[in-house]
Every structure is written in structure tokens, then in C-alpha cells.
Amino acid sequence: MVRLTGRYFAMFISGFVGLFALATYPVMIQPMLNPEPYKKNRERAYGKAGPPLG
């Protein structure tokens, strides 16, 4: 078993952080930066009243 130390450990952790960022960008970050397409989809689906509550 290889022991990760120093810069190799940093690269390993950075890889996990980078993969997490790539996976969450289209789901979490992009809608917060550009909400217009999501607002249009929600309006088309539910109308002006918004989603039903309860």
C-alpha cells in the first residue's frame, strides 16, 4: 500500500474536491448564478401561482 504524504496527499484531496465541484456545479451553483431559465420552467409548469404547498 502506498502512503500519501506531502504534495501527493494534497493532490489526492484536491482531486476529490475538484470532482465534488464538477458534480455539484450544474445542480447547485449554476442555478444560483443564472436563475432565469429555472424561473421560466417553474412558471410554465405551475403558472403564476407557484408550486402547490402541502
N, C-alpha and C. Protein backbone atom coordinates (compact mmCIF):
# COMPACT_ATOMS: atom_id res chain seq x y z
N MET A 1 0.84 -1.18 0.00
CA MET A 1 0.00 0.00 0.00
C MET A 1 0.89 1.25 0.00
N VAL A 2 0.54 2.18 -0.83
CA VAL A 2 1.31 3.41 -0.96
C VAL A 2 0.83 4.42 0.09
N ARG A 3 1.76 5.07 0.72
CA ARG A 3 1.43 6.08 1.72
C ARG A 3 1.55 7.45 1.09
N LEU A 4 0.46 8.20 1.10
CA LEU A 4 0.44 9.53 0.50
C LEU A 4 0.90 10.56 1.52
N THR A 5 1.95 11.27 1.17
CA THR A 5 2.45 12.31 2.05
C THR A 5 2.77 13.56 1.23
N GLY A 6 2.75 14.68 1.89
CA GLY A 6 3.15 15.93 1.26
C GLY A 6 2.29 16.32 0.09
N ARG A 7 2.93 16.62 -1.02
CA ARG A 7 2.21 17.12 -2.18
C ARG A 7 1.32 16.06 -2.81
N TYR A 8 1.66 14.78 -2.66
CA TYR A 8 0.82 13.73 -3.22
C TYR A 8 -0.51 13.63 -2.47
N PHE A 9 -0.44 13.81 -1.16
CA PHE A 9 -1.66 13.84 -0.36
C PHE A 9 -2.51 15.06 -0.76
N ALA A 10 -1.88 16.19 -0.96
CA ALA A 10 -2.59 17.40 -1.37
C ALA A 10 -3.24 17.22 -2.73
N MET A 11 -2.55 16.58 -3.66
CA MET A 11 -3.14 16.32 -4.98
C MET A 11 -4.31 15.36 -4.88
N PHE A 12 -4.22 14.37 -4.03
CA PHE A 12 -5.29 13.40 -3.83
C PHE A 12 -6.55 14.09 -3.29
N ILE A 13 -6.38 14.90 -2.26
CA ILE A 13 -7.52 15.63 -1.68
C ILE A 13 -8.07 16.65 -2.68
N SER A 14 -7.20 17.32 -3.39
CA SER A 14 -7.64 18.29 -4.40
C SER A 14 -8.45 17.62 -5.48
N GLY A 15 -8.09 16.42 -5.84
CA GLY A 15 -8.85 15.66 -6.83
C GLY A 15 -10.27 15.39 -6.36
N PHE A 16 -10.42 15.01 -5.09
CA PHE A 16 -11.76 14.78 -4.56
C PHE A 16 -12.57 16.08 -4.51
N VAL A 17 -11.95 17.15 -4.10
CA VAL A 17 -12.64 18.44 -4.04
C VAL A 17 -13.04 18.88 -5.45
N GLY A 18 -12.16 18.68 -6.41
CA GLY A 18 -12.47 19.04 -7.80
C GLY A 18 -13.60 18.21 -8.37
N LEU A 19 -13.62 16.92 -8.10
CA LEU A 19 -14.71 16.08 -8.57
C LEU A 19 -16.04 16.49 -7.93
N PHE A 20 -16.01 16.82 -6.65
CA PHE A 20 -17.22 17.27 -5.99
C PHE A 20 -17.72 18.58 -6.62
N ALA A 21 -16.81 19.49 -6.90
CA ALA A 21 -17.19 20.77 -7.51
C ALA A 21 -17.78 20.54 -8.91
N LEU A 22 -17.17 19.66 -9.69
CA LEU A 22 -17.70 19.37 -11.02
C LEU A 22 -19.08 18.73 -10.95
N ALA A 23 -19.30 17.89 -9.97
CA ALA A 23 -20.59 17.21 -9.85
C ALA A 23 -21.69 18.15 -9.36
N THR A 24 -21.36 19.08 -8.50
CA THR A 24 -22.39 19.95 -7.92
C THR A 24 -22.62 21.23 -8.71
N TYR A 25 -21.74 21.60 -9.60
CA TYR A 25 -21.91 22.87 -10.31
C TYR A 25 -23.24 22.95 -11.07
N PRO A 26 -23.58 21.97 -11.93
CA PRO A 26 -24.83 22.13 -12.68
C PRO A 26 -26.08 22.02 -11.82
N VAL A 27 -25.98 21.42 -10.66
CA VAL A 27 -27.15 21.20 -9.81
C VAL A 27 -27.34 22.32 -8.80
N MET A 28 -26.26 22.82 -8.21
CA MET A 28 -26.38 23.77 -7.11
C MET A 28 -25.91 25.18 -7.45
N ILE A 29 -24.79 25.30 -8.10
CA ILE A 29 -24.16 26.61 -8.25
C ILE A 29 -24.71 27.36 -9.46
N GLN A 30 -24.84 26.72 -10.59
CA GLN A 30 -25.30 27.39 -11.80
C GLN A 30 -26.70 27.96 -11.66
N PRO A 31 -27.67 27.26 -11.03
CA PRO A 31 -28.99 27.88 -10.85
C PRO A 31 -28.96 29.13 -9.96
N MET A 32 -28.03 29.21 -9.03
CA MET A 32 -27.94 30.41 -8.19
C MET A 32 -27.34 31.58 -8.98
N LEU A 33 -26.43 31.29 -9.91
CA LEU A 33 -25.80 32.35 -10.68
C LEU A 33 -26.68 32.85 -11.81
N ASN A 34 -27.51 31.95 -12.39
CA ASN A 34 -28.36 32.30 -13.53
C ASN A 34 -29.73 31.66 -13.34
N PRO A 35 -30.62 32.28 -12.54
CA PRO A 35 -31.90 31.64 -12.22
C PRO A 35 -32.99 31.81 -13.27
N GLU A 36 -32.78 32.61 -14.29
CA GLU A 36 -33.84 32.90 -15.26
C GLU A 36 -34.42 31.66 -15.94
N PRO A 37 -33.63 30.73 -16.48
CA PRO A 37 -34.25 29.56 -17.13
C PRO A 37 -35.09 28.73 -16.16
N TYR A 38 -34.69 28.67 -14.90
CA TYR A 38 -35.42 27.89 -13.91
C TYR A 38 -36.72 28.59 -13.53
N LYS A 39 -36.69 29.91 -13.48
CA LYS A 39 -37.92 30.66 -13.22
C LYS A 39 -38.93 30.45 -14.34
N LYS A 40 -38.45 30.46 -15.59
CA LYS A 40 -39.34 30.25 -16.74
C LYS A 40 -39.93 28.84 -16.71
N ASN A 41 -39.12 27.84 -16.39
CA ASN A 41 -39.62 26.47 -16.32
C ASN A 41 -40.66 26.34 -15.21
N ARG A 42 -40.41 26.94 -14.05
CA ARG A 42 -41.34 26.86 -12.94
C ARG A 42 -42.65 27.57 -13.29
N GLU A 43 -42.55 28.71 -13.96
CA GLU A 43 -43.75 29.43 -14.35
C GLU A 43 -44.55 28.64 -15.39
N ARG A 44 -43.86 28.00 -16.30
CA ARG A 44 -44.54 27.20 -17.32
C ARG A 44 -45.22 25.99 -16.68
N ALA A 45 -44.61 25.41 -15.67
CA ALA A 45 -45.16 24.21 -15.05
C ALA A 45 -46.32 24.53 -14.11
N TYR A 46 -46.20 25.59 -13.32
CA TYR A 46 -47.18 25.88 -12.28
C TYR A 46 -48.00 27.12 -12.54
N GLY A 47 -47.64 27.91 -13.50
CA GLY A 47 -48.35 29.17 -13.73
C GLY A 47 -47.84 30.23 -12.75
N LYS A 48 -48.56 31.31 -12.67
CA LYS A 48 -48.14 32.42 -11.80
C LYS A 48 -48.31 32.11 -10.32
N ALA A 49 -49.14 31.12 -9.99
CA ALA A 49 -49.43 30.83 -8.58
C ALA A 49 -48.27 30.18 -7.87
N GLY A 50 -47.39 29.51 -8.57
CA GLY A 50 -46.28 28.83 -7.95
C GLY A 50 -46.64 27.38 -7.61
N PRO A 51 -45.69 26.65 -7.08
CA PRO A 51 -45.95 25.24 -6.78
C PRO A 51 -46.94 25.08 -5.63
N PRO A 52 -47.73 23.99 -5.67
CA PRO A 52 -48.68 23.78 -4.56
C PRO A 52 -47.95 23.45 -3.26
N LEU A 53 -48.44 23.99 -2.18
CA LEU A 53 -47.83 23.73 -0.87
C LEU A 53 -48.72 22.77 -0.10
N GLY A 54 -48.10 21.71 0.42
CA GLY A 54 -48.84 20.76 1.25
C GLY A 54 -49.40 19.67 0.52
